[in-house]
Structures are given as structure tokens and as C-alpha cells.
Amino acid sequence: MRTAVEFDDLEWLRRNDPGWRLLRADHAALVLAFLGRVFVEENIRSISATELAGRLTDDLQALNDRLGEGTFPRSAKAYLDDWAQPEVGWLRKYYPPGSDEVFFDATPAVERALAWVQSLRGRAFVGTESRLNIVLELLRQMVFGAETDPDVRLTELYARRAEIDAEIERVNAGEVELLEPAAQRDRYQQFVTTARGLLGDFREVEANFRALDRSLREQIATWNGSKGDLLDEVVGSRHSIAESDQGRTFHAFYDFLLSPQRQEEFSDLLAKVQQLDAIGDPDPRMRRIHYDWLDAAERTQATVRMLSEQLRRFLDDQVWLENRRVMDLLRSIESHAIALRDQPLGGLRHDIDANAPQITLPMERPLYRPRAKQALRSDADGDTGPVTLDVSALFDQVYVDPTRLRGTVRGELAGASQVSLPDLLARHPLEQGLAELVTYLSLRDPEFDVLFDEQRQEQVRWRDDDGRLRSAVLPAVSFVRGGAGPVAREVIER
């Protein structure tokens, strides 16, 4: 990993990097202040052009009133269009699927430039201990995680256990070591910096996914080989995106966000940290930072799904063009045949049985199936009286009331922000078997969302009317309050 920066690298960045171009702009303060407030502080990932232009108009009016008329003479729409130019690269201008209105999103260059500007501010408190602890812990994890000798690992684990046992003995003896206020502020400062940096990383990961998809489309457009080789290349490229280092770490972080236990632990720890006296005035944005992470991660996942769908349609268009080429060749052959049908053949003649060959593959032939023998009774006793039939089975139908199930879920979410399906069924067992389970999966309610995680699987058990134990293996299913952010409904969509 190269860390030194050469002159040529810096010169190239000065001429081509959007972040550097932003710092050199005449209105850099306006761009950083406005875009930083909307897209970074408020964590807006997509906003319509009308709303963004309205907010910028208010800011421009306030600045012109304070700094003098004509300080910013152009309209808000003109500024936004200028910032979204490809050669500028501060805003991404696009049309969402199913919408004819322009939307905007900030590029990673804006976040990088804003982070650099914020680092220029003087800090009254600069902590170093927490970062040193992080460095040591990272080194310990890398060395311990790469160790293949079981004896060395056991030695390390025994040493950790000895330290924990010694600390337990000190606490039992009344010797409780408290973290000093300066150390608490140091760690909180490092936590805020890391938490805010994660949101910027999500925007950069999304931009990287778009760049990978763009390069893949260029490869398809310029492909000269066979269709089979093209499909192998496309499938391999999409798989490489998910299996790359960036894809692996992103999915690992996303799995952490979808874990109810870890979310609950994180929320409890965050609430306790925000109440520490040594922190002083805590960052208000940290109260919902994990929900902001979830929104950003879900948007990144939605972007990957949308790119995959667009790629599939792109390949379908390629197939349609190839089929059209085949039809053009067939029409050319037919037109030549019609033009030559009246020409003398000079005795050349050939007859064919049909216009097209009939091909029957061996495996298309059905196997022999013996006919079922019907038993006929010819010894009827002549009784032609009325026959009584049991028609109760026609009325023994199962109806699952979704209103009752929605009430159960809302009751569970009254005291928690999220509940998993196994935990819900443990407190409210299934009464109508598989039909009730399927109804749970298809619930729709404005107060909560149904979230499916296909990366993990869970087993659900219940007993049927005969008392037999039944089970089903499903993707991890959770019910989340509607205010926790957008969630995927992949089971319903697929």
C-alpha cells in the first residue's frame, strides 16, 4: 500500500479531482455550506430538483440581503445545473425509476472536501489515547486472526482470561477503576468522527458500485466475442463485485445493522454514553446515527438491485438486436428466393419434404406409464335409495385474519423498535399453522415494515391440529417500526 504522494499524482489531482476543484472554486463557501448542510448534516440521499432549488433560493436571498445585492446574481437552478455538470462533478443529476422529475444527490467529492475543511478548525481538546488503543487493538486482531498455531492461540486466550479474572477480583474487593473524564471525552470524540465518516463511506461505496456497473456496460457495448463468453464475463463480473474486499466488508456491516441483538445493544450503549456528565453537550445527530446508517445502507443495497435490473434489461436489448439481425437475414434470403424463382434452373432440381425439419430429441419421448385399473362392482344389491354424503369438508376452510396479526405485531413493537419473527412466535404461537405463517410474511401496515435478510436463515416451529411438530426454514424476518427507515420487501417483489 503506497502512502507517499508524488508530484505527478498531485498535479493530476489538482487538474481532475472534483474535490480539489471545489476547494479552488470562487463560491466554495456557498457550495460547501449548502451541500454540506443538506446532504451531510441532514443525511439526505435523494432530493427533487424543485425542493433543492427552493432551499437554495432561500439561502441565496439571505446571503444577498446580508452581503449586498448581486453577491450571488444567478438563479438557484442555474447554480445547481452548473454544479451537476460532468466536468464539475459536485452533484449527481438523475431520474429515479418511474419518475419524470430530476433528482439530485451529492458526490463523494463533496464529503471529502467538507471533511478536509472541517479538519482545519482549531480543537480545544485533542485526544490521542483512544486512537492509540484502536491502533493496538487492530494490530492484536490482525496478528491473532492470522495465527495458525493452536498453542499460540490458547496462550493468548489464557492470558486474556487471566486479565479478566484479575479485574473481577479487584472489583469484588471494592477496587473499581473509573475512566477519567478526559479519557471519556477522548473516546467520544473518536466515536463521533468514526460514526460520521461511515455515512460518507456509504456514499462512496455507492459511487464505486456505479463505476463498476458503468465499466461493465462499456465492456458489453464493445464486445466482439460470442454471446456465451459475454454471459460468462458478465456473471463473473457481478459475482466479483459482491466477493470483492469492498463488497465483503459492506455486506458484513449490513448484516450487523440487521441484527436485532446488536442493534439493541448499540442503542442501549449509545443512550448511556449520551448521558455521561463528562461528555458535556453530546452531538445530537448521534442519537439516531444507527438509523442513518440503516437508511444509507439500504439505499446502497437498492442501488445495487437497480443496477442489476438495468443490466438485465440491457442484455435483453442486446438479445433483441441479435434476433432482429437474424430476421433481417431471413427476409433477405426470402427476397432473393422470390427474385430467383422464375429464373431457369438449367435442369437443377431438388425436392424437400417440408419447409422446416422436424427434430425429436430422445429425452422428449415420454416414458411408459401403466394405466390405472378401475375396479368395477357388478354385484350391486339393487338398493337405489338416497345416498348420504359427508359434505362438511367443503365448509372446513381456513381463514386467517390479517387484522389480528397486525395488532399482535403492533403490540410487540410498542415497547421495542424491532422484533424478529421467531421471538414473536415464541410469545404468540401459530394457531392456524402454515397459513398463518404465510400471512405474517405478507403483512402490510403503515406503522411497521417487514424486513427480509436472505443472507441469514432461521427456523420456525409450530404444532399442527394433530399435535405433530412442524418446522420451516426461512430467511431472517424482522418487523421494524415504520420510522426506522426504508426496508427491503424482497420476498414480495420476487
Protein backbone atom coordinates (compact mmCIF):
# COMPACT_ATOMS: atom_id res chain seq x y z
CA MET A 1 0.00 0.00 0.00
CA ARG A 2 1.66 3.20 -1.20
CA THR A 3 1.32 6.24 1.10
CA ALA A 4 3.81 8.72 -0.41
CA VAL A 5 2.35 11.20 -2.92
CA GLU A 6 4.47 12.17 -5.90
CA PHE A 7 4.42 15.45 -7.78
CA ASP A 8 2.71 13.95 -10.85
CA ASP A 9 -0.03 12.46 -8.69
CA LEU A 10 -0.70 15.79 -7.01
CA GLU A 11 -0.71 17.62 -10.33
CA TRP A 12 -3.20 15.16 -11.79
CA LEU A 13 -5.46 15.52 -8.73
CA ARG A 14 -5.25 19.31 -8.91
CA ARG A 15 -6.45 19.26 -12.50
CA ASN A 16 -9.02 16.43 -12.38
CA ASP A 17 -10.27 15.74 -8.84
CA PRO A 18 -13.76 17.27 -8.19
CA GLY A 19 -12.96 17.79 -4.51
CA TRP A 20 -9.83 19.79 -5.26
CA ARG A 21 -11.77 21.72 -7.93
CA LEU A 22 -14.39 22.55 -5.30
CA LEU A 23 -11.80 23.96 -2.90
CA ARG A 24 -10.47 26.20 -5.70
CA ALA A 25 -13.91 27.47 -6.75
CA ASP A 26 -14.87 31.14 -6.29
CA HIS A 27 -18.06 30.19 -4.46
CA ALA A 28 -16.56 27.28 -2.50
CA ALA A 29 -18.00 28.59 0.78
CA LEU A 30 -21.54 28.62 -0.67
CA VAL A 31 -21.20 25.16 -2.18
CA LEU A 32 -19.73 23.56 0.94
CA ALA A 33 -22.12 25.27 3.35
CA PHE A 34 -25.28 24.50 1.37
CA LEU A 35 -24.47 20.98 0.12
CA GLY A 36 -22.88 20.05 3.44
CA ARG A 37 -25.99 21.04 5.39
CA VAL A 38 -28.45 19.30 3.05
CA PHE A 39 -26.62 16.11 2.11
CA VAL A 40 -24.24 15.56 5.03
CA GLU A 41 -25.76 17.05 8.17
CA GLU A 42 -29.34 16.10 7.26
CA ASN A 43 -28.16 12.85 5.57
CA ILE A 44 -30.43 13.36 2.55
CA ARG A 45 -29.54 10.86 -0.15
CA SER A 46 -32.04 11.93 -2.82
CA ILE A 47 -33.94 15.19 -3.21
CA SER A 48 -36.01 16.56 -6.06
CA ALA A 49 -34.74 19.47 -8.11
CA THR A 50 -37.76 21.59 -7.16
CA GLU A 51 -37.22 21.20 -3.42
CA LEU A 52 -33.44 21.66 -3.62
CA ALA A 53 -33.81 24.77 -5.79
CA GLY A 54 -36.32 26.21 -3.34
CA ARG A 55 -33.96 25.73 -0.41
CA LEU A 56 -31.05 27.23 -2.33
CA THR A 57 -33.19 30.22 -3.34
CA ASP A 58 -33.85 31.00 0.32
CA ASP A 59 -30.13 30.79 1.13
CA LEU A 60 -29.17 32.99 -1.81
CA GLN A 61 -31.75 35.60 -0.83
CA ALA A 62 -30.46 35.66 2.75
CA LEU A 63 -26.84 35.97 1.63
CA ASN A 64 -27.64 38.75 -0.88
CA ASP A 65 -29.53 40.67 1.80
CA ARG A 66 -26.61 40.37 4.21
CA LEU A 67 -23.63 40.71 1.85
CA GLY A 68 -25.15 43.03 -0.72
CA GLU A 69 -27.36 42.62 -3.75
CA GLY A 70 -25.53 40.94 -6.62
CA THR A 71 -23.15 38.88 -4.47
CA PHE A 72 -24.77 35.77 -5.95
CA PRO A 73 -26.55 37.08 -9.07
CA ARG A 74 -27.54 33.78 -10.71
CA SER A 75 -30.68 31.77 -10.05
CA ALA A 76 -30.71 28.66 -7.87
CA LYS A 77 -31.48 26.43 -10.86
CA ALA A 78 -28.50 27.82 -12.76
CA TYR A 79 -26.19 27.13 -9.83
CA LEU A 80 -27.49 23.55 -9.45
CA ASP A 81 -27.15 22.83 -13.16
CA ASP A 82 -23.61 24.18 -13.07
CA TRP A 83 -22.66 22.07 -10.04
CA ALA A 84 -24.08 18.94 -11.73
CA GLN A 85 -22.02 19.31 -14.93
CA PRO A 86 -19.79 16.24 -15.60
CA GLU A 87 -16.68 18.41 -15.71
CA VAL A 88 -17.60 19.86 -12.28
CA GLY A 89 -18.83 16.71 -10.51
CA TRP A 90 -20.27 18.05 -7.24
CA LEU A 91 -23.86 16.86 -7.73
CA ARG A 92 -25.26 13.73 -9.37
CA LYS A 93 -28.28 14.56 -11.51
CA TYR A 94 -30.53 11.64 -12.41
CA TYR A 95 -34.09 10.41 -12.94
CA PRO A 96 -35.27 7.79 -10.41
CA PRO A 97 -37.11 4.76 -11.85
CA GLY A 98 -40.75 5.59 -12.55
CA SER A 99 -40.28 9.36 -12.18
CA ASP A 100 -40.05 12.13 -14.77
CA GLU A 101 -38.66 14.69 -12.30
CA VAL A 102 -34.96 15.38 -11.87
CA PHE A 103 -33.39 14.42 -8.54
CA PHE A 104 -30.01 15.33 -7.04
CA ASP A 105 -27.51 13.66 -4.76
CA ALA A 106 -24.10 14.84 -3.58
CA THR A 107 -20.98 13.10 -4.84
CA PRO A 108 -18.26 11.68 -2.56
CA ALA A 109 -16.02 14.60 -3.57
CA VAL A 110 -18.25 17.00 -1.61
CA GLU A 111 -17.92 14.94 1.57
CA ARG A 112 -14.15 14.65 1.18
CA ALA A 113 -13.75 18.40 0.65
CA LEU A 114 -16.06 19.19 3.56
CA ALA A 115 -14.18 16.79 5.85
CA TRP A 116 -10.89 18.46 4.96
CA VAL A 117 -12.30 21.94 5.62
CA GLN A 118 -13.71 20.83 8.98
CA SER A 119 -10.31 19.44 9.93
CA LEU A 120 -8.87 22.98 9.61
CA ARG A 121 -10.89 24.16 12.59
CA GLY A 122 -8.99 24.50 15.84
CA ARG A 123 -9.96 21.98 18.51
CA ALA A 124 -9.97 22.84 22.19
CA PHE A 125 -9.49 19.17 23.06
CA VAL A 126 -7.38 16.75 21.02
CA GLY A 127 -7.37 13.20 22.34
CA THR A 128 -4.73 10.65 21.41
CA GLU A 129 -5.19 7.81 23.86
CA SER A 130 -8.28 6.37 22.20
CA ARG A 131 -6.60 6.30 18.80
CA LEU A 132 -3.57 4.57 20.29
CA ASN A 133 -5.86 1.96 21.83
CA ILE A 134 -7.55 1.46 18.47
CA VAL A 135 -4.18 1.00 16.76
CA LEU A 136 -3.05 -1.57 19.32
CA GLU A 137 -6.37 -3.42 19.14
CA LEU A 138 -6.24 -3.55 15.33
CA LEU A 139 -2.71 -4.93 15.43
CA ARG A 140 -3.75 -7.51 18.02
CA GLN A 141 -6.73 -8.60 15.92
CA MET A 142 -4.64 -8.96 12.75
CA VAL A 143 -1.86 -10.93 14.45
CA PHE A 144 -4.24 -13.13 16.42
CA GLY A 145 -6.55 -13.65 13.45
CA ALA A 146 -3.71 -14.76 11.19
CA GLU A 147 -2.18 -17.17 13.74
CA THR A 148 -2.49 -20.82 12.68
CA ASP A 149 -0.75 -22.45 15.66
CA PRO A 150 -3.40 -23.62 18.19
CA ASP A 151 -0.92 -23.45 21.08
CA VAL A 152 -0.20 -19.78 20.43
CA ARG A 153 -3.90 -19.01 20.27
CA LEU A 154 -4.55 -20.85 23.52
CA THR A 155 -1.73 -18.95 25.21
CA GLU A 156 -3.27 -15.65 24.13
CA LEU A 157 -6.75 -16.69 25.27
CA TYR A 158 -5.44 -17.84 28.65
CA ALA A 159 -3.66 -14.51 29.08
CA ARG A 160 -6.89 -12.63 28.36
CA ARG A 161 -8.79 -14.81 30.80
CA ALA A 162 -6.16 -14.15 33.48
CA GLU A 163 -6.58 -10.40 32.98
CA ILE A 164 -10.37 -10.69 33.24
CA ASP A 165 -10.12 -12.86 36.37
CA ALA A 166 -7.75 -10.33 37.97
CA GLU A 167 -10.17 -7.50 37.19
CA ILE A 168 -13.06 -9.49 38.67
CA GLU A 169 -11.10 -10.00 41.86
CA ARG A 170 -10.33 -6.28 42.11
CA VAL A 171 -14.00 -5.38 41.66
CA ASN A 172 -15.03 -7.94 44.28
CA ALA A 173 -12.51 -6.33 46.62
CA GLY A 174 -14.09 -2.91 46.01
CA GLU A 175 -11.35 -1.56 43.73
CA VAL A 176 -13.33 -0.11 40.83
CA GLU A 177 -11.25 1.78 38.26
CA LEU A 178 -13.28 4.51 36.59
CA LEU A 179 -12.46 6.08 33.25
CA GLU A 180 -11.29 9.66 33.70
CA PRO A 181 -13.43 12.46 32.19
CA ALA A 182 -10.66 13.37 29.75
CA ALA A 183 -10.47 9.77 28.55
CA GLN A 184 -14.27 9.70 28.15
CA ARG A 185 -14.24 12.88 26.04
CA ASP A 186 -11.36 11.46 24.00
CA ARG A 187 -13.24 8.31 23.18
CA TYR A 188 -16.49 10.14 22.47
CA GLN A 189 -14.69 12.45 20.05
CA GLN A 190 -13.24 9.43 18.24
CA PHE A 191 -16.67 7.76 18.16
CA VAL A 192 -18.33 10.84 16.60
CA THR A 193 -15.60 11.13 13.96
CA THR A 194 -15.85 7.45 13.03
CA ALA A 195 -19.66 7.43 13.02
CA ARG A 196 -19.87 10.45 10.71
CA GLY A 197 -17.17 9.01 8.46
CA LEU A 198 -19.22 5.85 7.94
CA LEU A 199 -22.04 7.83 6.34
CA GLY A 200 -19.59 9.33 3.87
CA ASP A 201 -18.18 5.87 3.17
CA PHE A 202 -21.65 4.62 2.17
CA ARG A 203 -21.96 7.37 -0.45
CA GLU A 204 -18.50 6.46 -1.80
CA VAL A 205 -19.33 2.73 -1.86
CA GLU A 206 -22.48 3.51 -3.85
CA ALA A 207 -20.44 5.61 -6.30
CA ASN A 208 -17.92 2.77 -6.68
CA PHE A 209 -20.72 0.32 -7.46
CA ARG A 210 -21.97 2.70 -10.16
CA ALA A 211 -18.48 2.98 -11.62
CA LEU A 212 -18.15 -0.82 -11.74
CA ASP A 213 -21.52 -1.09 -13.44
CA ARG A 214 -20.59 1.61 -15.96
CA SER A 215 -17.36 -0.16 -16.91
CA LEU A 216 -19.29 -3.41 -17.29
CA ARG A 217 -21.76 -1.74 -19.66
CA GLU A 218 -18.91 -0.36 -21.74
CA GLN A 219 -17.48 -3.84 -21.98
CA ILE A 220 -20.83 -5.22 -23.17
CA ALA A 221 -21.27 -2.45 -25.72
CA THR A 222 -17.85 -3.10 -27.27
CA TRP A 223 -17.95 -6.90 -27.05
CA ASN A 224 -16.97 -8.74 -30.23
CA GLY A 225 -16.95 -12.34 -28.99
CA SER A 226 -19.68 -14.92 -28.65
CA LYS A 227 -22.76 -14.48 -26.51
CA GLY A 228 -21.75 -17.35 -24.22
CA ASP A 229 -18.39 -15.77 -23.46
CA LEU A 230 -20.14 -12.46 -22.83
CA LEU A 231 -22.54 -14.01 -20.31
CA ASP A 232 -19.64 -15.73 -18.54
CA GLU A 233 -17.86 -12.41 -18.31
CA VAL A 234 -20.95 -10.57 -17.07
CA VAL A 235 -21.85 -13.14 -14.43
CA GLY A 236 -18.25 -13.30 -13.27
CA SER A 237 -18.03 -9.52 -13.02
CA ARG A 238 -21.23 -9.22 -10.98
CA HIS A 239 -20.01 -12.00 -8.71
CA SER A 240 -16.65 -10.29 -8.33
CA ILE A 241 -18.38 -7.13 -7.14
CA ALA A 242 -20.08 -9.00 -4.30
CA GLU A 243 -16.96 -11.02 -3.48
CA SER A 244 -14.52 -8.09 -3.61
CA ASP A 245 -12.99 -6.74 -0.41
CA GLN A 246 -15.30 -3.75 -0.54
CA GLY A 247 -18.35 -5.94 -1.15
CA ARG A 248 -17.47 -8.33 1.67
CA THR A 249 -16.96 -5.58 4.24
CA PHE A 250 -20.13 -3.80 3.14
CA HIS A 251 -22.27 -6.94 3.48
CA ALA A 252 -20.68 -7.72 6.86
CA PHE A 253 -21.57 -4.23 8.08
CA TYR A 254 -25.08 -4.56 6.65
CA ASP A 255 -25.54 -7.87 8.49
CA PHE A 256 -24.55 -6.09 11.69
CA LEU A 257 -27.21 -3.44 11.08
CA LEU A 258 -29.87 -6.11 10.52
CA SER A 259 -29.07 -7.99 13.75
CA PRO A 260 -31.76 -7.17 16.37
CA GLN A 261 -29.49 -8.14 19.26
CA ARG A 262 -26.63 -5.91 18.11
CA GLN A 263 -28.99 -3.05 17.34
CA GLU A 264 -30.47 -3.28 20.82
CA GLU A 265 -27.01 -3.42 22.40
CA PHE A 266 -25.85 -0.44 20.34
CA SER A 267 -28.94 1.61 21.26
CA ASP A 268 -28.51 0.89 24.98
CA LEU A 269 -24.81 1.77 24.96
CA LEU A 270 -25.41 4.93 22.94
CA ALA A 271 -28.16 6.12 25.30
CA LYS A 272 -25.91 5.62 28.33
CA VAL A 273 -22.96 7.40 26.68
CA GLN A 274 -25.11 10.40 25.75
CA GLN A 275 -26.00 10.81 29.44
CA LEU A 276 -22.40 10.90 30.74
CA ASP A 277 -21.58 14.14 32.52
CA ALA A 278 -18.01 14.15 31.20
CA ILE A 279 -19.29 14.38 27.58
CA GLY A 280 -20.86 17.78 28.15
CA ASP A 281 -23.08 18.67 25.20
CA PRO A 282 -23.36 15.48 23.13
CA ASP A 283 -23.70 15.55 19.38
CA PRO A 284 -27.50 15.48 18.75
CA ARG A 285 -27.04 13.61 15.49
CA MET A 286 -25.52 10.63 17.33
CA ARG A 287 -28.88 9.79 18.91
CA ARG A 288 -30.13 8.34 15.61
CA ILE A 289 -26.85 7.61 13.90
CA HIS A 290 -27.58 3.87 13.61
CA TYR A 291 -30.86 4.66 11.82
CA ASP A 292 -28.94 6.93 9.45
CA TRP A 293 -26.55 4.03 8.82
CA LEU A 294 -29.50 1.77 8.08
CA ASP A 295 -31.03 4.26 5.64
CA ALA A 296 -27.70 4.76 3.84
CA ALA A 297 -27.01 1.01 3.68
CA GLU A 298 -30.50 0.27 2.39
CA ARG A 299 -30.09 2.92 -0.30
CA THR A 300 -26.79 1.34 -1.34
CA GLN A 301 -28.45 -2.07 -1.50
CA ALA A 302 -31.32 -0.61 -3.52
CA THR A 303 -28.78 0.93 -5.92
CA VAL A 304 -27.12 -2.46 -6.46
CA ARG A 305 -30.50 -4.08 -7.10
CA MET A 306 -31.49 -1.32 -9.53
CA LEU A 307 -28.19 -1.62 -11.40
CA SER A 308 -28.63 -5.37 -11.68
CA GLU A 309 -32.14 -4.91 -13.07
CA GLN A 310 -30.94 -2.30 -15.56
CA LEU A 311 -28.11 -4.62 -16.62
CA ARG A 312 -30.61 -7.41 -17.21
CA ARG A 313 -32.73 -5.15 -19.41
CA PHE A 314 -29.58 -4.05 -21.21
CA LEU A 315 -28.73 -7.66 -22.01
CA ASP A 316 -32.32 -8.25 -23.13
CA ASP A 317 -31.94 -5.35 -25.57
CA GLN A 318 -28.76 -6.94 -26.90
CA VAL A 319 -30.63 -10.22 -27.48
CA TRP A 320 -33.45 -8.32 -29.20
CA LEU A 321 -30.95 -6.66 -31.55
CA GLU A 322 -29.41 -10.03 -32.38
CA ASN A 323 -32.83 -11.52 -33.07
CA ARG A 324 -33.63 -8.58 -35.28
CA ARG A 325 -30.44 -9.22 -37.24
CA VAL A 326 -31.49 -12.85 -37.71
CA MET A 327 -34.90 -11.75 -39.00
CA ASP A 328 -33.21 -9.35 -41.44
CA LEU A 329 -31.10 -12.20 -42.79
CA LEU A 330 -34.16 -14.42 -43.18
CA ARG A 331 -36.05 -11.71 -45.06
CA SER A 332 -33.02 -11.20 -47.30
CA ILE A 333 -32.98 -14.93 -48.11
CA GLU A 334 -36.71 -14.90 -48.84
CA SER A 335 -36.45 -11.87 -51.12
CA HIS A 336 -33.58 -13.49 -53.04
CA ALA A 337 -35.57 -16.71 -53.37
CA ILE A 338 -38.58 -14.85 -54.74
CA ALA A 339 -36.36 -12.97 -57.20
CA LEU A 340 -34.78 -16.22 -58.46
CA ARG A 341 -37.88 -18.44 -58.60
CA ASP A 342 -38.62 -17.53 -62.24
CA GLN A 343 -35.04 -17.90 -63.39
CA PRO A 344 -34.17 -21.02 -65.42
CA LEU A 345 -32.51 -23.68 -63.26
CA GLY A 346 -30.75 -25.49 -66.09
CA GLY A 347 -32.03 -28.90 -65.03
CA LEU A 348 -31.07 -28.42 -61.38
CA ARG A 349 -33.95 -29.55 -59.20
CA HIS A 350 -34.28 -30.68 -55.60
CA ASP A 351 -37.35 -31.50 -53.55
CA ILE A 352 -37.65 -31.28 -49.75
CA ASP A 353 -40.28 -32.91 -47.58
CA ALA A 354 -41.21 -29.78 -45.65
CA ASN A 355 -40.29 -26.15 -45.16
CA ALA A 356 -38.54 -26.90 -41.88
CA PRO A 357 -37.06 -30.09 -40.39
CA GLN A 358 -38.82 -31.83 -37.54
CA ILE A 359 -36.46 -32.65 -34.70
CA THR A 360 -37.42 -35.02 -31.92
CA LEU A 361 -34.90 -35.43 -29.15
CA PRO A 362 -34.68 -38.80 -27.35
CA MET A 363 -35.48 -37.30 -23.95
CA GLU A 364 -38.64 -35.68 -25.31
CA ARG A 365 -40.30 -39.05 -25.72
CA PRO A 366 -42.48 -39.84 -22.73
CA LEU A 367 -41.75 -42.92 -20.64
CA TYR A 368 -44.19 -45.76 -20.41
CA ARG A 369 -46.93 -45.20 -17.88
CA PRO A 370 -49.20 -48.12 -16.97
CA ARG A 371 -52.84 -47.22 -16.91
CA ALA A 372 -54.54 -47.31 -13.57
CA LYS A 373 -57.02 -50.16 -13.30
CA GLN A 374 -60.51 -49.18 -12.25
CA ALA A 375 -62.32 -51.66 -10.02
CA LEU A 376 -65.93 -52.14 -11.10
CA ARG A 377 -68.53 -53.73 -8.85
CA SER A 378 -71.09 -55.80 -10.66
CA ASP A 379 -72.65 -57.35 -7.56
CA ALA A 380 -74.93 -54.41 -6.72
CA ASP A 381 -77.75 -55.44 -4.37
CA GLY A 382 -80.27 -53.29 -6.16
CA ASP A 383 -80.56 -50.71 -3.38
CA THR A 384 -81.40 -47.43 -5.15
CA GLY A 385 -82.31 -45.42 -2.04
CA PRO A 386 -80.88 -41.98 -1.26
CA VAL A 387 -77.17 -41.81 -0.51
CA THR A 388 -75.95 -39.70 2.42
CA LEU A 389 -72.65 -37.89 1.78
CA ASP A 390 -70.45 -36.02 4.28
CA VAL A 391 -70.10 -32.52 2.84
CA SER A 392 -68.57 -30.93 5.96
CA ALA A 393 -65.13 -30.92 4.31
CA LEU A 394 -66.42 -28.36 1.81
CA PHE A 395 -67.03 -25.87 4.64
CA ASP A 396 -63.90 -26.68 6.65
CA GLN A 397 -61.83 -23.87 5.16
CA VAL A 398 -59.07 -21.90 6.90
CA TYR A 399 -59.29 -18.10 7.03
CA VAL A 400 -56.52 -16.13 8.68
CA ASP A 401 -57.48 -12.67 9.89
CA PRO A 402 -54.61 -10.28 9.00
CA THR A 403 -56.10 -7.59 11.27
CA ARG A 404 -55.45 -9.78 14.30
CA LEU A 405 -51.87 -10.44 13.21
CA ARG A 406 -51.19 -6.75 12.58
CA GLY A 407 -52.46 -5.98 16.07
CA THR A 408 -50.09 -8.59 17.50
CA VAL A 409 -47.11 -7.07 15.70
CA ARG A 410 -48.03 -3.52 16.73
CA GLY A 411 -48.34 -4.67 20.32
CA GLU A 412 -44.84 -6.17 20.25
CA LEU A 413 -43.39 -3.01 18.66
CA ALA A 414 -44.96 -0.80 21.35
CA GLY A 415 -42.01 -1.47 23.63
CA ALA A 416 -39.26 -2.14 21.11
CA SER A 417 -38.14 -0.72 17.78
CA GLN A 418 -37.76 -4.16 16.19
CA VAL A 419 -38.85 -7.75 16.81
CA SER A 420 -37.85 -10.87 14.93
CA LEU A 421 -40.37 -13.44 13.69
CA PRO A 422 -39.07 -16.30 15.92
CA ASP A 423 -39.31 -14.08 19.02
CA LEU A 424 -42.82 -13.02 18.03
CA LEU A 425 -43.98 -16.60 17.51
CA ALA A 426 -42.38 -17.67 20.79
CA ARG A 427 -44.76 -15.31 22.62
CA HIS A 428 -47.70 -15.76 20.23
CA PRO A 429 -47.63 -19.32 18.82
CA LEU A 430 -49.25 -20.07 15.49
CA GLU A 431 -52.89 -21.07 15.81
CA GLN A 432 -53.62 -21.81 12.15
CA GLY A 433 -50.35 -23.38 11.04
CA LEU A 434 -48.66 -22.63 7.76
CA ALA A 435 -51.46 -20.33 6.52
CA GLU A 436 -50.94 -18.01 9.48
CA LEU A 437 -47.15 -18.05 8.95
CA VAL A 438 -47.56 -17.02 5.29
CA THR A 439 -49.94 -14.23 6.35
CA TYR A 440 -47.29 -12.88 8.74
CA LEU A 441 -44.83 -12.68 5.81
CA SER A 442 -47.28 -10.73 3.63
CA LEU A 443 -48.48 -8.18 6.21
CA ARG A 444 -48.72 -4.55 5.13
CA ASP A 445 -49.16 -1.79 7.71
CA PRO A 446 -48.19 1.92 7.77
CA GLU A 447 -46.88 1.59 11.34
CA PHE A 448 -44.27 -1.09 10.65
CA ASP A 449 -42.24 -2.69 7.86
CA VAL A 450 -41.42 -6.35 7.19
CA LEU A 451 -37.69 -6.85 6.62
CA PHE A 452 -36.16 -9.93 4.97
CA ASP A 453 -32.45 -10.80 5.18
CA GLU A 454 -31.64 -13.56 2.68
CA GLN A 455 -28.06 -13.75 3.94
CA ARG A 456 -29.26 -15.48 7.15
CA GLN A 457 -31.77 -18.26 7.73
CA GLU A 458 -33.94 -19.03 10.74
CA GLN A 459 -36.11 -21.98 11.65
CA VAL A 460 -39.73 -21.56 12.74
CA ARG A 461 -41.56 -24.34 14.60
CA TRP A 462 -45.23 -24.94 15.42
CA ARG A 463 -47.64 -27.78 16.13
CA ASP A 464 -50.50 -28.73 13.83
CA ASP A 465 -54.01 -29.74 14.78
CA ASP A 466 -52.86 -33.34 15.36
CA GLY A 467 -50.14 -32.23 17.78
CA ARG A 468 -47.27 -33.01 15.42
CA LEU A 469 -44.26 -30.68 15.41
CA ARG A 470 -43.78 -28.82 12.13
CA SER A 471 -40.89 -26.59 11.06
CA ALA A 472 -39.96 -24.26 8.21
CA VAL A 473 -36.62 -22.68 7.23
CA LEU A 474 -37.00 -19.06 6.13
CA PRO A 475 -34.79 -16.04 5.51
CA ALA A 476 -34.37 -13.97 8.65
CA VAL A 477 -37.61 -11.97 9.08
CA SER A 478 -37.99 -8.92 11.34
CA PHE A 479 -40.74 -6.39 11.96
CA VAL A 480 -39.41 -2.82 12.26
CA ARG A 481 -41.20 0.37 13.15
CA GLY A 482 -42.06 2.43 10.11
CA GLY A 483 -39.97 5.38 11.30
CA ALA A 484 -36.74 3.34 11.38
CA GLY A 485 -36.07 3.93 7.67
CA PRO A 486 -36.88 2.21 4.36
CA VAL A 487 -36.56 -1.55 4.30
CA ALA A 488 -36.43 -4.15 1.57
CA ARG A 489 -39.54 -6.18 0.68
CA GLU A 490 -37.65 -8.68 -1.40
CA VAL A 491 -39.97 -11.63 -0.80
CA ILE A 492 -42.99 -9.74 -2.13
CA GLU A 493 -41.05 -8.24 -5.05
CA ARG A 494 -39.60 -11.56 -6.14
